[in-house]
Amino acid sequence: MARVSDGAPRGEGLVSAMRLLGEGPSLCWPHALAVVRRDLLGAAHRHFDDAWRGEVRELVPGDAAMRELCRLYEA
């Protein structure tokens, strides 16, 4: 495994997270939260919608989003 300049092994962090997100939900990882800039929302939907079976949702920061996140993770 190659190392990047900060000493962290490649294939960890963002690379691994993107790979896991791209595989969709599993028994170990049934939920995910990805934060993207507004101008990347369309690309995120195109990239992840199939794997997550159309469950990709947009949340705008605020009280309503916080309530929705709490509701989703309570189950």
C-alpha atoms as a PDB file:
ATOM      1  CA  MET A   1       0.000   0.000   0.000  1.00  0.00           C
ATOM      2  CA  ALA A   2       1.460   3.349  -1.040  1.00  0.00           C
ATOM      3  CA  ARG A   3       1.675   6.235   1.392  1.00  0.00           C
ATOM      4  CA  VAL A   4       0.652   9.812   0.710  1.00  0.00           C
ATOM      5  CA  SER A   5       2.658  12.808   1.854  1.00  0.00           C
ATOM      6  CA  ASP A   6       0.970  12.995   5.275  1.00  0.00           C
ATOM      7  CA  GLY A   7       1.909   9.367   6.000  1.00  0.00           C
ATOM      8  CA  ALA A   8      -1.625   7.982   5.686  1.00  0.00           C
ATOM      9  CA  PRO A   9      -1.952   4.837   3.582  1.00  0.00           C
ATOM     10  CA  ARG A  10      -3.628   5.230   0.205  1.00  0.00           C
ATOM     11  CA  GLY A  11      -6.999   3.594  -0.094  1.00  0.00           C
ATOM     12  CA  GLU A  12      -8.111   4.956   3.261  1.00  0.00           C
ATOM     13  CA  GLY A  13     -10.336   7.901   4.003  1.00  0.00           C
ATOM     14  CA  LEU A  14     -12.032   9.501   1.009  1.00  0.00           C
ATOM     15  CA  VAL A  15     -11.116   6.740  -1.450  1.00  0.00           C
ATOM     16  CA  SER A  16     -12.539   4.027   0.809  1.00  0.00           C
ATOM     17  CA  ALA A  17     -15.589   6.125   1.670  1.00  0.00           C
ATOM     18  CA  MET A  18     -16.393   6.722  -1.993  1.00  0.00           C
ATOM     19  CA  ARG A  19     -16.012   3.010  -2.731  1.00  0.00           C
ATOM     20  CA  LEU A  20     -18.351   2.090   0.139  1.00  0.00           C
ATOM     21  CA  LEU A  21     -20.901   4.713  -0.923  1.00  0.00           C
ATOM     22  CA  GLY A  22     -20.733   3.444  -4.496  1.00  0.00           C
ATOM     23  CA  GLU A  23     -21.637  -0.075  -3.339  1.00  0.00           C
ATOM     24  CA  GLY A  24     -24.862   1.113  -1.720  1.00  0.00           C
ATOM     25  CA  PRO A  25     -26.351  -0.065   1.570  1.00  0.00           C
ATOM     26  CA  SER A  26     -25.271  -3.304   3.242  1.00  0.00           C
ATOM     27  CA  LEU A  27     -25.993  -5.034   6.531  1.00  0.00           C
ATOM     28  CA  CYS A  28     -22.928  -3.367   8.060  1.00  0.00           C
ATOM     29  CA  TRP A  29     -23.527   0.037   6.454  1.00  0.00           C
ATOM     30  CA  PRO A  30     -27.285   0.568   5.959  1.00  0.00           C
ATOM     31  CA  HIS A  31     -27.071   4.381   6.049  1.00  0.00           C
ATOM     32  CA  ALA A  32     -24.707   7.040   4.786  1.00  0.00           C
ATOM     33  CA  LEU A  33     -24.386  10.782   4.966  1.00  0.00           C
ATOM     34  CA  ALA A  34     -22.473  12.595   2.227  1.00  0.00           C
ATOM     35  CA  VAL A  35     -22.082  16.361   2.224  1.00  0.00           C
ATOM     36  CA  VAL A  36     -21.599  17.971  -1.172  1.00  0.00           C
ATOM     37  CA  ARG A  37     -21.653  21.489  -2.511  1.00  0.00           C
ATOM     38  CA  ARG A  38     -24.920  22.580  -4.122  1.00  0.00           C
ATOM     39  CA  ASP A  39     -23.316  22.578  -7.598  1.00  0.00           C
ATOM     40  CA  LEU A  40     -22.419  18.867  -7.167  1.00  0.00           C
ATOM     41  CA  LEU A  41     -25.921  17.661  -6.205  1.00  0.00           C
ATOM     42  CA  GLY A  42     -26.778  16.511  -9.737  1.00  0.00           C
ATOM     43  CA  ALA A  43     -23.518  14.597 -10.079  1.00  0.00           C
ATOM     44  CA  ALA A  44     -24.011  12.985  -6.655  1.00  0.00           C
ATOM     45  CA  HIS A  45     -27.513  11.851  -7.623  1.00  0.00           C
ATOM     46  CA  ARG A  46     -26.296  10.400 -10.933  1.00  0.00           C
ATOM     47  CA  HIS A  47     -23.424   8.624  -9.208  1.00  0.00           C
ATOM     48  CA  PHE A  48     -25.248   7.164  -6.188  1.00  0.00           C
ATOM     49  CA  ASP A  49     -28.980   6.861  -7.002  1.00  0.00           C
ATOM     50  CA  ASP A  50     -28.793   3.378  -8.559  1.00  0.00           C
ATOM     51  CA  ALA A  51     -26.674   1.885  -5.772  1.00  0.00           C
ATOM     52  CA  TRP A  52     -28.884   3.439  -3.089  1.00  0.00           C
ATOM     53  CA  ARG A  53     -32.094   2.480  -4.913  1.00  0.00           C
ATOM     54  CA  GLY A  54     -33.322   6.030  -5.335  1.00  0.00           C
ATOM     55  CA  GLU A  55     -33.020   6.797  -1.613  1.00  0.00           C
ATOM     56  CA  VAL A  56     -30.581   9.695  -2.112  1.00  0.00           C
ATOM     57  CA  ARG A  57     -32.164  12.768  -0.521  1.00  0.00           C
ATOM     58  CA  GLU A  58     -31.152  16.383  -0.307  1.00  0.00           C
ATOM     59  CA  LEU A  59     -31.274  18.105   3.055  1.00  0.00           C
ATOM     60  CA  VAL A  60     -30.814  21.844   3.422  1.00  0.00           C
ATOM     61  CA  PRO A  61     -29.019  22.801   6.654  1.00  0.00           C
ATOM     62  CA  GLY A  62     -31.397  23.854   9.403  1.00  0.00           C
ATOM     63  CA  ASP A  63     -33.767  22.574  12.058  1.00  0.00           C
ATOM     64  CA  ALA A  64     -35.867  20.515   9.633  1.00  0.00           C
ATOM     65  CA  ALA A  65     -32.766  18.722   8.339  1.00  0.00           C
ATOM     66  CA  MET A  66     -31.616  17.996  11.885  1.00  0.00           C
ATOM     67  CA  ARG A  67     -35.002  16.489  12.750  1.00  0.00           C
ATOM     68  CA  GLU A  68     -34.948  14.375   9.565  1.00  0.00           C
ATOM     69  CA  LEU A  69     -31.439  13.083  10.309  1.00  0.00           C
ATOM     70  CA  CYS A  70     -32.380  12.204  13.879  1.00  0.00           C
ATOM     71  CA  ARG A  71     -35.501  10.404  12.647  1.00  0.00           C
ATOM     72  CA  LEU A  72     -33.504   8.417  10.084  1.00  0.00           C
ATOM     73  CA  TYR A  73     -30.832   7.323  12.536  1.00  0.00           C
ATOM     74  CA  GLU A  74     -33.237   6.424  15.361  1.00  0.00           C
ATOM     75  CA  ALA A  75     -34.625   3.481  13.381  1.00  0.00           C
END
